[in-house]
N, C-alpha and C. Protein backbone atom coordinates (compact mmCIF):
# COMPACT_ATOMS: atom_id res chain seq x y z
N UNK A 1 0.80 -1.19 0.00
CA UNK A 1 0.00 0.01 0.00
C UNK A 1 0.86 1.25 0.00
N UNK A 2 2.02 1.21 0.63
CA UNK A 2 2.89 2.37 0.67
C UNK A 2 3.39 2.71 -0.74
N UNK A 3 3.67 1.70 -1.55
CA UNK A 3 4.14 1.97 -2.93
C UNK A 3 3.05 2.59 -3.73
N UNK A 4 1.81 2.13 -3.55
CA UNK A 4 0.68 2.74 -4.27
C UNK A 4 0.55 4.21 -3.90
N UNK A 5 0.60 4.52 -2.61
CA UNK A 5 0.45 5.89 -2.17
C UNK A 5 1.63 6.75 -2.66
N UNK A 6 2.83 6.19 -2.69
CA UNK A 6 3.98 6.94 -3.21
C UNK A 6 3.82 7.21 -4.73
N UNK A 7 3.31 6.25 -5.42
CA UNK A 7 3.08 6.40 -6.87
C UNK A 7 2.08 7.51 -7.13
N UNK A 8 0.97 7.49 -6.36
CA UNK A 8 -0.07 8.50 -6.55
C UNK A 8 0.49 9.90 -6.20
N UNK A 9 1.24 9.96 -5.11
CA UNK A 9 1.80 11.24 -4.70
C UNK A 9 2.82 11.75 -5.74
N UNK A 10 3.61 10.85 -6.24
CA UNK A 10 4.62 11.22 -7.30
C UNK A 10 3.90 11.79 -8.54
N UNK A 11 2.79 11.13 -8.91
CA UNK A 11 2.02 11.63 -10.06
C UNK A 11 1.48 13.02 -9.81
N UNK A 12 0.98 13.29 -8.59
CA UNK A 12 0.50 14.63 -8.28
C UNK A 12 1.62 15.67 -8.35
N UNK A 13 2.78 15.27 -7.86
CA UNK A 13 3.93 16.19 -7.85
C UNK A 13 4.39 16.48 -9.30
N UNK A 14 4.47 15.43 -10.11
CA UNK A 14 4.88 15.61 -11.48
C UNK A 14 3.91 16.52 -12.22
N UNK A 15 2.64 16.26 -12.04
CA UNK A 15 1.61 17.09 -12.65
C UNK A 15 1.77 18.56 -12.25
N UNK A 16 1.93 18.79 -10.98
CA UNK A 16 2.07 20.17 -10.49
C UNK A 16 3.35 20.84 -11.02
N UNK A 17 4.43 20.07 -11.06
CA UNK A 17 5.70 20.61 -11.62
C UNK A 17 5.56 20.97 -13.09
N UNK A 18 4.96 20.10 -13.86
CA UNK A 18 4.79 20.40 -15.27
C UNK A 18 3.99 21.71 -15.44
N UNK A 19 2.93 21.86 -14.66
CA UNK A 19 2.11 23.06 -14.78
C UNK A 19 2.91 24.31 -14.34
N UNK A 20 3.64 24.20 -13.26
CA UNK A 20 4.38 25.37 -12.82
C UNK A 20 5.50 25.78 -13.78
N UNK A 21 6.22 24.78 -14.32
CA UNK A 21 7.30 25.13 -15.24
C UNK A 21 6.75 25.70 -16.54
N UNK A 22 5.72 25.06 -17.07
CA UNK A 22 5.15 25.58 -18.33
C UNK A 22 4.38 26.86 -18.14
N UNK A 23 3.80 27.06 -16.97
CA UNK A 23 3.07 28.30 -16.67
C UNK A 23 4.04 29.46 -16.67
N UNK A 24 5.22 29.28 -16.12
CA UNK A 24 6.19 30.38 -16.06
C UNK A 24 6.64 30.75 -17.45
N UNK A 25 6.69 29.82 -18.38
CA UNK A 25 7.10 30.15 -19.76
C UNK A 25 6.10 31.05 -20.46
N UNK A 26 4.80 30.88 -20.19
CA UNK A 26 3.77 31.64 -20.89
C UNK A 26 3.30 32.83 -20.08
N UNK A 27 3.73 33.00 -18.82
CA UNK A 27 3.23 34.07 -17.96
C UNK A 27 3.59 35.47 -18.46
N UNK A 28 4.73 35.60 -19.09
CA UNK A 28 5.16 36.91 -19.53
C UNK A 28 4.27 37.55 -20.56
N UNK A 29 3.53 36.78 -21.33
CA UNK A 29 2.74 37.34 -22.39
C UNK A 29 1.28 37.46 -22.04
N UNK A 30 0.90 37.23 -20.80
CA UNK A 30 -0.48 37.29 -20.38
C UNK A 30 -0.91 38.74 -20.19
N UNK A 31 -2.18 38.99 -20.52
CA UNK A 31 -2.70 40.33 -20.32
C UNK A 31 -3.31 40.41 -18.94
N UNK A 32 -3.50 41.65 -18.39
CA UNK A 32 -4.02 41.77 -17.07
C UNK A 32 -5.45 41.27 -16.97
N UNK A 33 -5.80 40.78 -15.76
CA UNK A 33 -7.16 40.23 -15.57
C UNK A 33 -8.17 41.34 -15.39
N UNK A 34 -9.36 41.09 -15.87
CA UNK A 34 -10.47 42.04 -15.64
C UNK A 34 -11.19 41.64 -14.34
N UNK A 35 -12.06 42.51 -13.87
CA UNK A 35 -12.77 42.18 -12.62
C UNK A 35 -13.65 40.97 -12.77
N UNK A 36 -14.22 40.72 -14.00
CA UNK A 36 -15.00 39.53 -14.21
C UNK A 36 -14.21 38.27 -14.02
N UNK A 37 -12.97 38.28 -14.54
CA UNK A 37 -12.17 37.07 -14.42
C UNK A 37 -11.51 36.95 -13.05
N UNK A 38 -11.35 38.03 -12.31
CA UNK A 38 -10.73 37.97 -11.02
C UNK A 38 -11.56 37.16 -10.03
N UNK A 39 -12.88 37.32 -10.02
CA UNK A 39 -13.73 36.54 -9.10
C UNK A 39 -13.65 35.04 -9.45
N UNK A 40 -13.70 34.73 -10.73
CA UNK A 40 -13.58 33.32 -11.13
C UNK A 40 -12.21 32.80 -10.79
N UNK A 41 -11.20 33.62 -11.01
CA UNK A 41 -9.82 33.20 -10.72
C UNK A 41 -9.63 32.86 -9.25
N UNK A 42 -10.19 33.69 -8.37
CA UNK A 42 -10.09 33.42 -6.95
C UNK A 42 -10.80 32.14 -6.57
N UNK A 43 -12.00 31.93 -7.12
CA UNK A 43 -12.75 30.72 -6.84
C UNK A 43 -12.05 29.50 -7.37
N UNK A 44 -11.51 29.60 -8.62
CA UNK A 44 -10.81 28.47 -9.23
C UNK A 44 -9.60 28.11 -8.42
N UNK A 45 -8.80 29.11 -7.99
CA UNK A 45 -7.60 28.82 -7.20
C UNK A 45 -7.98 28.17 -5.88
N UNK A 46 -9.00 28.66 -5.22
CA UNK A 46 -9.40 28.05 -3.94
C UNK A 46 -9.88 26.61 -4.15
N UNK A 47 -10.64 26.40 -5.20
CA UNK A 47 -11.13 25.04 -5.46
C UNK A 47 -9.99 24.09 -5.79
N UNK A 48 -9.04 24.55 -6.60
CA UNK A 48 -7.90 23.68 -6.94
C UNK A 48 -7.05 23.42 -5.75
N UNK A 49 -6.83 24.40 -4.89
CA UNK A 49 -6.01 24.21 -3.68
C UNK A 49 -6.70 23.24 -2.73
N UNK A 50 -7.98 23.33 -2.60
CA UNK A 50 -8.73 22.39 -1.70
C UNK A 50 -8.60 20.98 -2.20
N UNK A 51 -8.76 20.79 -3.51
CA UNK A 51 -8.66 19.43 -4.09
C UNK A 51 -7.25 18.87 -3.88
N UNK A 52 -6.23 19.69 -4.15
CA UNK A 52 -4.84 19.23 -4.01
C UNK A 52 -4.57 18.84 -2.54
N UNK A 53 -5.02 19.68 -1.60
CA UNK A 53 -4.79 19.37 -0.19
C UNK A 53 -5.46 18.07 0.19
N UNK A 54 -6.68 17.84 -0.25
CA UNK A 54 -7.37 16.60 0.05
C UNK A 54 -6.65 15.39 -0.58
N UNK A 55 -6.22 15.51 -1.82
CA UNK A 55 -5.48 14.44 -2.49
C UNK A 55 -4.20 14.10 -1.77
N UNK A 56 -3.45 15.09 -1.39
CA UNK A 56 -2.19 14.87 -0.66
C UNK A 56 -2.49 14.19 0.67
N UNK A 57 -3.51 14.65 1.39
CA UNK A 57 -3.90 14.03 2.67
C UNK A 57 -4.22 12.57 2.46
N UNK A 58 -4.91 12.27 1.39
CA UNK A 58 -5.26 10.86 1.11
C UNK A 58 -3.99 10.04 0.84
N UNK A 59 -3.05 10.59 0.10
CA UNK A 59 -1.85 9.81 -0.20
C UNK A 59 -1.00 9.62 1.05
N UNK A 60 -1.14 10.48 2.02
CA UNK A 60 -0.41 10.35 3.26
C UNK A 60 -1.04 9.38 4.25
N UNK A 61 -2.14 8.76 3.85
CA UNK A 61 -2.72 7.73 4.68
C UNK A 61 -4.14 7.94 5.13
N UNK A 62 -4.76 9.04 4.75
CA UNK A 62 -6.13 9.30 5.16
C UNK A 62 -7.04 8.34 4.36
N UNK A 63 -7.77 7.48 5.07
CA UNK A 63 -8.69 6.53 4.43
C UNK A 63 -10.10 7.14 4.53
N UNK A 64 -10.67 7.46 3.37
CA UNK A 64 -11.98 8.09 3.34
C UNK A 64 -12.98 7.19 2.64
N UNK A 65 -14.02 6.76 3.35
CA UNK A 65 -15.14 6.03 2.80
C UNK A 65 -14.74 4.89 1.88
N UNK A 66 -14.16 3.82 2.47
CA UNK A 66 -13.71 2.69 1.61
C UNK A 66 -14.88 2.05 0.86
N UNK A 67 -14.62 1.64 -0.34
CA UNK A 67 -15.61 0.99 -1.19
C UNK A 67 -15.67 -0.52 -0.89
N UNK A 68 -14.54 -1.19 -0.78
CA UNK A 68 -14.45 -2.64 -0.62
C UNK A 68 -13.50 -3.00 0.51
N UNK A 69 -13.70 -4.16 1.06
CA UNK A 69 -12.78 -4.63 2.10
C UNK A 69 -11.53 -5.26 1.48
N UNK A 70 -11.66 -5.78 0.29
CA UNK A 70 -10.49 -6.39 -0.45
C UNK A 70 -10.41 -5.68 -1.82
N UNK A 71 -9.75 -4.52 -1.89
CA UNK A 71 -9.83 -3.68 -3.08
C UNK A 71 -8.73 -3.92 -4.14
N UNK A 72 -8.02 -4.98 -4.14
CA UNK A 72 -6.84 -5.13 -4.98
C UNK A 72 -7.16 -4.93 -6.46
N UNK A 73 -8.21 -5.53 -6.99
CA UNK A 73 -8.56 -5.38 -8.39
C UNK A 73 -8.97 -3.95 -8.69
N UNK A 74 -9.75 -3.40 -7.77
CA UNK A 74 -10.19 -1.99 -7.92
C UNK A 74 -8.98 -1.07 -7.93
N UNK A 75 -8.00 -1.34 -7.12
CA UNK A 75 -6.79 -0.50 -7.07
C UNK A 75 -6.02 -0.58 -8.36
N UNK A 76 -5.93 -1.79 -8.95
CA UNK A 76 -5.22 -1.92 -10.23
C UNK A 76 -5.95 -1.14 -11.31
N UNK A 77 -7.27 -1.25 -11.35
CA UNK A 77 -8.06 -0.49 -12.33
C UNK A 77 -7.83 1.03 -12.10
N UNK A 78 -7.85 1.42 -10.82
CA UNK A 78 -7.63 2.80 -10.48
C UNK A 78 -6.27 3.30 -10.92
N UNK A 79 -5.24 2.54 -10.71
CA UNK A 79 -3.89 2.95 -11.12
C UNK A 79 -3.79 3.12 -12.63
N UNK A 80 -4.41 2.19 -13.35
CA UNK A 80 -4.40 2.29 -14.83
C UNK A 80 -5.11 3.58 -15.29
N UNK A 81 -6.29 3.84 -14.74
CA UNK A 81 -7.05 5.02 -15.10
C UNK A 81 -6.30 6.30 -14.70
N UNK A 82 -5.73 6.28 -13.51
CA UNK A 82 -4.92 7.41 -13.02
C UNK A 82 -3.75 7.70 -13.92
N UNK A 83 -3.02 6.70 -14.29
CA UNK A 83 -1.86 6.83 -15.15
C UNK A 83 -2.28 7.36 -16.52
N UNK A 84 -3.32 6.79 -17.09
CA UNK A 84 -3.83 7.24 -18.38
C UNK A 84 -4.26 8.71 -18.30
N UNK A 85 -4.97 9.07 -17.25
CA UNK A 85 -5.41 10.45 -17.07
C UNK A 85 -4.25 11.42 -16.96
N UNK A 86 -3.24 11.05 -16.14
CA UNK A 86 -2.06 11.91 -16.00
C UNK A 86 -1.35 12.08 -17.36
N UNK A 87 -1.21 10.98 -18.05
CA UNK A 87 -0.50 11.04 -19.34
C UNK A 87 -1.22 11.92 -20.32
N UNK A 88 -2.55 11.79 -20.40
CA UNK A 88 -3.33 12.62 -21.33
C UNK A 88 -3.23 14.09 -20.95
N UNK A 89 -3.40 14.40 -19.65
CA UNK A 89 -3.35 15.82 -19.19
C UNK A 89 -1.96 16.43 -19.45
N UNK A 90 -0.95 15.71 -19.09
CA UNK A 90 0.40 16.25 -19.23
C UNK A 90 0.76 16.38 -20.73
N UNK A 91 0.43 15.38 -21.52
CA UNK A 91 0.70 15.47 -22.97
C UNK A 91 -0.06 16.64 -23.54
N UNK A 92 -1.34 16.78 -23.17
CA UNK A 92 -2.10 17.93 -23.64
C UNK A 92 -1.50 19.25 -23.29
N UNK A 93 -1.02 19.37 -22.08
CA UNK A 93 -0.39 20.61 -21.63
C UNK A 93 0.91 20.90 -22.42
N UNK A 94 1.71 19.88 -22.56
CA UNK A 94 2.97 20.07 -23.28
C UNK A 94 2.75 20.33 -24.76
N UNK A 95 1.77 19.66 -25.38
CA UNK A 95 1.53 19.88 -26.78
C UNK A 95 0.87 21.22 -27.08
N UNK A 96 0.16 21.76 -26.09
CA UNK A 96 -0.46 23.06 -26.27
C UNK A 96 0.57 24.17 -26.29
N UNK A 97 1.67 23.98 -25.59
CA UNK A 97 2.80 24.90 -25.58
C UNK A 97 2.37 26.33 -25.20
N UNK A 98 2.76 27.28 -26.00
CA UNK A 98 2.46 28.70 -25.72
C UNK A 98 1.02 29.07 -26.00
N UNK A 99 0.23 28.17 -26.50
CA UNK A 99 -1.18 28.40 -26.78
C UNK A 99 -2.05 28.18 -25.54
N UNK A 100 -1.42 27.86 -24.41
CA UNK A 100 -2.14 27.59 -23.17
C UNK A 100 -2.42 28.90 -22.41
N UNK A 101 -3.59 28.94 -21.80
CA UNK A 101 -3.88 30.02 -20.82
C UNK A 101 -4.36 29.29 -19.57
N UNK A 102 -3.91 29.78 -18.45
CA UNK A 102 -4.31 29.23 -17.16
C UNK A 102 -5.82 29.36 -17.03
N UNK A 103 -6.45 28.37 -16.40
CA UNK A 103 -7.89 28.42 -16.24
C UNK A 103 -8.38 29.68 -15.54
N UNK A 104 -7.53 30.16 -14.63
CA UNK A 104 -7.93 31.40 -13.93
C UNK A 104 -7.93 32.61 -14.84
N UNK A 105 -7.07 32.62 -15.88
CA UNK A 105 -6.97 33.73 -16.76
C UNK A 105 -7.96 33.59 -17.92
N UNK A 106 -8.02 32.41 -18.50
CA UNK A 106 -8.93 32.10 -19.61
C UNK A 106 -9.01 33.22 -20.63
N UNK A 107 -7.94 33.53 -21.23
CA UNK A 107 -7.92 34.56 -22.23
C UNK A 107 -7.12 34.07 -23.45
N UNK A 108 -7.43 34.67 -24.58
CA UNK A 108 -6.74 34.32 -25.82
C UNK A 108 -5.80 35.47 -26.15
N UNK A 109 -4.59 35.14 -26.38
CA UNK A 109 -3.59 36.13 -26.75
C UNK A 109 -3.44 36.20 -28.28
N UNK A 110 -2.91 37.29 -28.81
CA UNK A 110 -2.83 37.44 -30.25
C UNK A 110 -2.04 36.32 -30.94
N UNK A 111 -1.07 35.74 -30.28
CA UNK A 111 -0.23 34.71 -30.92
C UNK A 111 -0.86 33.32 -30.83
N UNK A 112 -1.99 33.16 -30.18
CA UNK A 112 -2.62 31.84 -30.10
C UNK A 112 -3.01 31.33 -31.46
N UNK A 113 -2.90 30.03 -31.61
CA UNK A 113 -3.29 29.34 -32.86
C UNK A 113 -3.98 28.02 -32.48
N UNK A 114 -4.72 27.47 -33.42
CA UNK A 114 -5.36 26.22 -33.19
C UNK A 114 -4.30 25.11 -33.15
N UNK A 115 -4.31 24.30 -32.10
CA UNK A 115 -3.44 23.15 -32.00
C UNK A 115 -4.27 21.92 -32.33
N UNK A 116 -3.88 21.23 -33.41
CA UNK A 116 -4.65 20.10 -33.86
C UNK A 116 -3.81 18.83 -34.07
N UNK A 117 -2.63 18.83 -33.45
CA UNK A 117 -1.72 17.66 -33.58
C UNK A 117 -1.65 16.95 -32.24
N UNK A 118 -1.05 15.79 -32.27
CA UNK A 118 -0.91 15.00 -31.03
C UNK A 118 -2.27 14.62 -30.49
N UNK A 119 -2.44 14.71 -29.21
CA UNK A 119 -3.69 14.29 -28.56
C UNK A 119 -4.82 15.23 -28.98
N UNK A 120 -4.47 16.46 -29.41
CA UNK A 120 -5.51 17.40 -29.88
C UNK A 120 -6.08 17.02 -31.21
N UNK A 121 -5.49 16.08 -31.84
CA UNK A 121 -6.03 15.55 -33.11
C UNK A 121 -7.33 14.80 -32.81
N UNK A 122 -7.48 14.28 -31.59
CA UNK A 122 -8.61 13.46 -31.26
C UNK A 122 -9.64 14.10 -30.30
N UNK A 123 -9.15 14.95 -29.39
CA UNK A 123 -10.04 15.64 -28.49
C UNK A 123 -9.62 17.09 -28.29
N UNK A 124 -10.62 17.91 -28.03
CA UNK A 124 -10.36 19.36 -27.91
C UNK A 124 -9.89 19.72 -26.50
N UNK A 125 -10.20 18.93 -25.49
CA UNK A 125 -9.89 19.29 -24.13
C UNK A 125 -9.20 18.16 -23.36
N UNK A 126 -8.00 17.76 -23.83
CA UNK A 126 -7.32 16.64 -23.17
C UNK A 126 -6.89 16.96 -21.74
N UNK A 127 -6.63 18.21 -21.44
CA UNK A 127 -6.24 18.54 -20.06
C UNK A 127 -7.41 18.30 -19.13
N UNK A 128 -8.56 18.83 -19.46
CA UNK A 128 -9.75 18.59 -18.64
C UNK A 128 -10.06 17.08 -18.52
N UNK A 129 -10.09 16.43 -19.67
CA UNK A 129 -10.44 15.00 -19.67
C UNK A 129 -9.40 14.22 -18.88
N UNK A 130 -8.14 14.50 -19.07
CA UNK A 130 -7.08 13.80 -18.35
C UNK A 130 -7.16 14.04 -16.86
N UNK A 131 -7.40 15.30 -16.45
CA UNK A 131 -7.52 15.60 -15.03
C UNK A 131 -8.69 14.87 -14.40
N UNK A 132 -9.83 14.84 -15.07
CA UNK A 132 -10.98 14.11 -14.54
C UNK A 132 -10.69 12.62 -14.45
N UNK A 133 -10.06 12.07 -15.47
CA UNK A 133 -9.71 10.64 -15.44
C UNK A 133 -8.75 10.34 -14.30
N UNK A 134 -7.76 11.22 -14.16
CA UNK A 134 -6.77 10.97 -13.07
C UNK A 134 -7.46 11.05 -11.70
N UNK A 135 -8.41 11.92 -11.52
CA UNK A 135 -9.14 12.00 -10.23
C UNK A 135 -9.95 10.71 -9.97
N UNK A 136 -10.62 10.24 -11.02
CA UNK A 136 -11.39 9.00 -10.90
C UNK A 136 -10.44 7.87 -10.53
N UNK A 137 -9.34 7.75 -11.27
CA UNK A 137 -8.35 6.66 -11.01
C UNK A 137 -7.77 6.79 -9.63
N UNK A 138 -7.43 8.00 -9.21
CA UNK A 138 -6.85 8.24 -7.91
C UNK A 138 -7.77 7.70 -6.78
N UNK A 139 -9.01 8.08 -6.87
CA UNK A 139 -9.98 7.67 -5.81
C UNK A 139 -10.22 6.15 -5.86
N UNK A 140 -10.31 5.62 -7.06
CA UNK A 140 -10.44 4.13 -7.15
C UNK A 140 -9.23 3.41 -6.59
N UNK A 141 -8.07 3.94 -6.92
CA UNK A 141 -6.81 3.33 -6.42
C UNK A 141 -6.75 3.35 -4.93
N UNK A 142 -7.34 4.38 -4.31
CA UNK A 142 -7.40 4.49 -2.86
C UNK A 142 -8.67 3.88 -2.27
N UNK A 143 -9.48 3.22 -3.13
CA UNK A 143 -10.65 2.52 -2.68
C UNK A 143 -11.61 3.44 -1.93
N UNK A 144 -11.87 4.61 -2.52
CA UNK A 144 -12.69 5.62 -1.85
C UNK A 144 -13.93 5.97 -2.63
N UNK A 145 -15.05 6.09 -1.92
CA UNK A 145 -16.27 6.54 -2.48
C UNK A 145 -16.22 8.00 -2.94
N UNK A 146 -15.17 8.69 -2.60
CA UNK A 146 -14.97 10.05 -3.09
C UNK A 146 -14.91 10.10 -4.60
N UNK A 147 -14.74 8.93 -5.22
CA UNK A 147 -14.77 8.88 -6.69
C UNK A 147 -16.05 9.48 -7.23
N UNK A 148 -17.14 9.39 -6.45
CA UNK A 148 -18.40 9.99 -6.88
C UNK A 148 -18.36 11.50 -6.93
N UNK A 149 -17.44 12.06 -6.18
CA UNK A 149 -17.27 13.54 -6.16
C UNK A 149 -16.89 14.12 -7.55
N UNK A 150 -16.31 13.29 -8.38
CA UNK A 150 -15.92 13.75 -9.73
C UNK A 150 -17.19 14.14 -10.49
N UNK A 151 -18.29 13.47 -10.19
CA UNK A 151 -19.56 13.79 -10.86
C UNK A 151 -19.95 15.26 -10.59
N UNK A 152 -19.57 15.80 -9.44
CA UNK A 152 -19.86 17.20 -9.13
C UNK A 152 -18.97 18.16 -9.88
N UNK A 153 -17.80 17.70 -10.24
CA UNK A 153 -16.85 18.53 -11.00
C UNK A 153 -17.20 18.54 -12.48
N UNK A 154 -17.84 17.49 -12.96
CA UNK A 154 -18.14 17.36 -14.37
C UNK A 154 -18.92 18.55 -14.96
N UNK A 155 -19.99 18.99 -14.36
CA UNK A 155 -20.70 20.16 -14.94
C UNK A 155 -19.85 21.44 -14.98
N UNK A 156 -19.01 21.59 -13.95
CA UNK A 156 -18.11 22.77 -13.92
C UNK A 156 -17.12 22.72 -15.11
N UNK A 157 -16.55 21.52 -15.31
CA UNK A 157 -15.61 21.36 -16.40
C UNK A 157 -16.24 21.52 -17.76
N UNK A 158 -17.43 20.93 -17.92
CA UNK A 158 -18.12 21.07 -19.20
C UNK A 158 -18.47 22.54 -19.48
N UNK A 159 -18.93 23.24 -18.47
CA UNK A 159 -19.26 24.68 -18.61
C UNK A 159 -18.03 25.47 -19.02
N UNK A 160 -16.92 25.18 -18.36
CA UNK A 160 -15.64 25.87 -18.63
C UNK A 160 -15.22 25.57 -20.09
N UNK A 161 -15.31 24.33 -20.48
CA UNK A 161 -14.89 23.93 -21.85
C UNK A 161 -15.78 24.63 -22.89
N UNK A 162 -17.07 24.73 -22.64
CA UNK A 162 -17.97 25.41 -23.59
C UNK A 162 -17.67 26.89 -23.71
N UNK A 163 -17.35 27.51 -22.56
CA UNK A 163 -16.97 28.91 -22.59
C UNK A 163 -15.68 29.14 -23.38
N UNK A 164 -14.72 28.26 -23.14
CA UNK A 164 -13.44 28.36 -23.87
C UNK A 164 -13.71 28.20 -25.35
N UNK A 165 -14.54 27.25 -25.73
CA UNK A 165 -14.81 27.00 -27.14
C UNK A 165 -15.43 28.20 -27.81
N UNK A 166 -16.35 28.89 -27.11
CA UNK A 166 -16.97 30.09 -27.67
C UNK A 166 -15.91 31.17 -27.86
N UNK A 167 -15.04 31.33 -26.91
CA UNK A 167 -13.97 32.35 -27.02
C UNK A 167 -13.02 32.00 -28.20
N UNK A 168 -12.65 30.73 -28.28
CA UNK A 168 -11.71 30.32 -29.35
C UNK A 168 -12.38 30.45 -30.69
N UNK A 169 -13.66 30.08 -30.83
CA UNK A 169 -14.35 30.19 -32.10
C UNK A 169 -14.42 31.65 -32.56
N UNK A 170 -14.61 32.56 -31.62
CA UNK A 170 -14.70 33.98 -31.97
C UNK A 170 -13.33 34.56 -32.35
N UNK A 171 -12.25 34.00 -31.78
CA UNK A 171 -10.92 34.60 -31.98
C UNK A 171 -10.07 33.90 -33.01
N UNK A 172 -10.30 32.62 -33.24
CA UNK A 172 -9.42 31.86 -34.13
C UNK A 172 -10.26 31.33 -35.32
N UNK A 173 -9.98 31.79 -36.52
CA UNK A 173 -10.81 31.43 -37.67
C UNK A 173 -10.87 29.91 -37.92
N UNK A 174 -9.83 29.16 -37.66
CA UNK A 174 -9.82 27.73 -37.96
C UNK A 174 -10.48 26.88 -36.85
N UNK A 175 -10.86 27.49 -35.75
CA UNK A 175 -11.33 26.72 -34.60
C UNK A 175 -12.67 25.99 -34.89
N UNK A 176 -13.60 26.63 -35.56
CA UNK A 176 -14.89 26.00 -35.84
C UNK A 176 -14.70 24.73 -36.69
N UNK A 177 -13.85 24.83 -37.71
CA UNK A 177 -13.55 23.62 -38.54
C UNK A 177 -12.88 22.55 -37.72
N UNK A 178 -12.00 22.96 -36.82
CA UNK A 178 -11.34 22.01 -35.97
C UNK A 178 -12.36 21.25 -35.08
N UNK A 179 -13.36 21.99 -34.59
CA UNK A 179 -14.40 21.36 -33.75
C UNK A 179 -15.22 20.33 -34.51
N UNK A 180 -15.39 20.51 -35.80
CA UNK A 180 -16.15 19.53 -36.59
C UNK A 180 -15.37 18.23 -36.77
N UNK A 181 -14.04 18.29 -36.63
CA UNK A 181 -13.23 17.10 -36.83
C UNK A 181 -12.91 16.36 -35.54
N UNK A 182 -13.18 16.96 -34.38
CA UNK A 182 -12.78 16.37 -33.10
C UNK A 182 -13.95 16.26 -32.15
N UNK A 183 -13.77 15.47 -31.13
CA UNK A 183 -14.70 15.38 -30.05
C UNK A 183 -14.20 16.20 -28.88
N UNK A 184 -15.08 16.52 -27.95
CA UNK A 184 -14.75 17.38 -26.86
C UNK A 184 -13.86 16.70 -25.82
N UNK A 185 -14.23 15.51 -25.34
CA UNK A 185 -13.53 14.86 -24.24
C UNK A 185 -13.08 13.43 -24.48
N UNK A 186 -13.91 12.69 -25.23
CA UNK A 186 -13.58 11.25 -25.49
C UNK A 186 -13.46 11.05 -26.99
N UNK A 187 -12.32 10.58 -27.45
CA UNK A 187 -12.13 10.41 -28.93
C UNK A 187 -13.28 9.57 -29.53
N UNK A 188 -13.79 10.06 -30.63
CA UNK A 188 -14.82 9.42 -31.45
C UNK A 188 -16.17 9.26 -30.73
N UNK A 189 -16.31 9.80 -29.50
CA UNK A 189 -17.57 9.57 -28.74
C UNK A 189 -18.21 10.92 -28.34
N UNK A 190 -17.55 11.59 -27.41
CA UNK A 190 -18.15 12.86 -26.86
C UNK A 190 -17.19 14.01 -27.05
């Protein structure tokens, strides 16, 4: 169990490091936030911090609402889903490069372009999809009914994705055509 918890914690750390390193690269070209985005930014930061604190507490041994008394198979499924989710989210972030805007900022800069290669060839929001998958896998790997909490995040993520798509469609001429070729979250499905 200690190796499982270390693996999950390592994944969280790698995810956070990738975001911090890549965020610093694009931070210099960001425009100042408006008052409309400031309220959302504060709420998003608080929500993300709360989730990260809870996840770290779980990896350090906090057992919350166990699903099964013998969870070995569930844990294996969870680790596979967690790993897939992390890979998709991190690949999406790296492949987006300078075209990324932090969720708190959610703005399009003049140099942004449609990214349609790599994982973006199949889905428009691999970071959101990967993060949701990794949360599901994380909770399953820890045998926790908190996995159901991801259902509460889903409408927030879908709303955010739809808002981003409207902004991108208005700002990037090729984005609408890109949307007709790709699915939002699950390749060939949704």
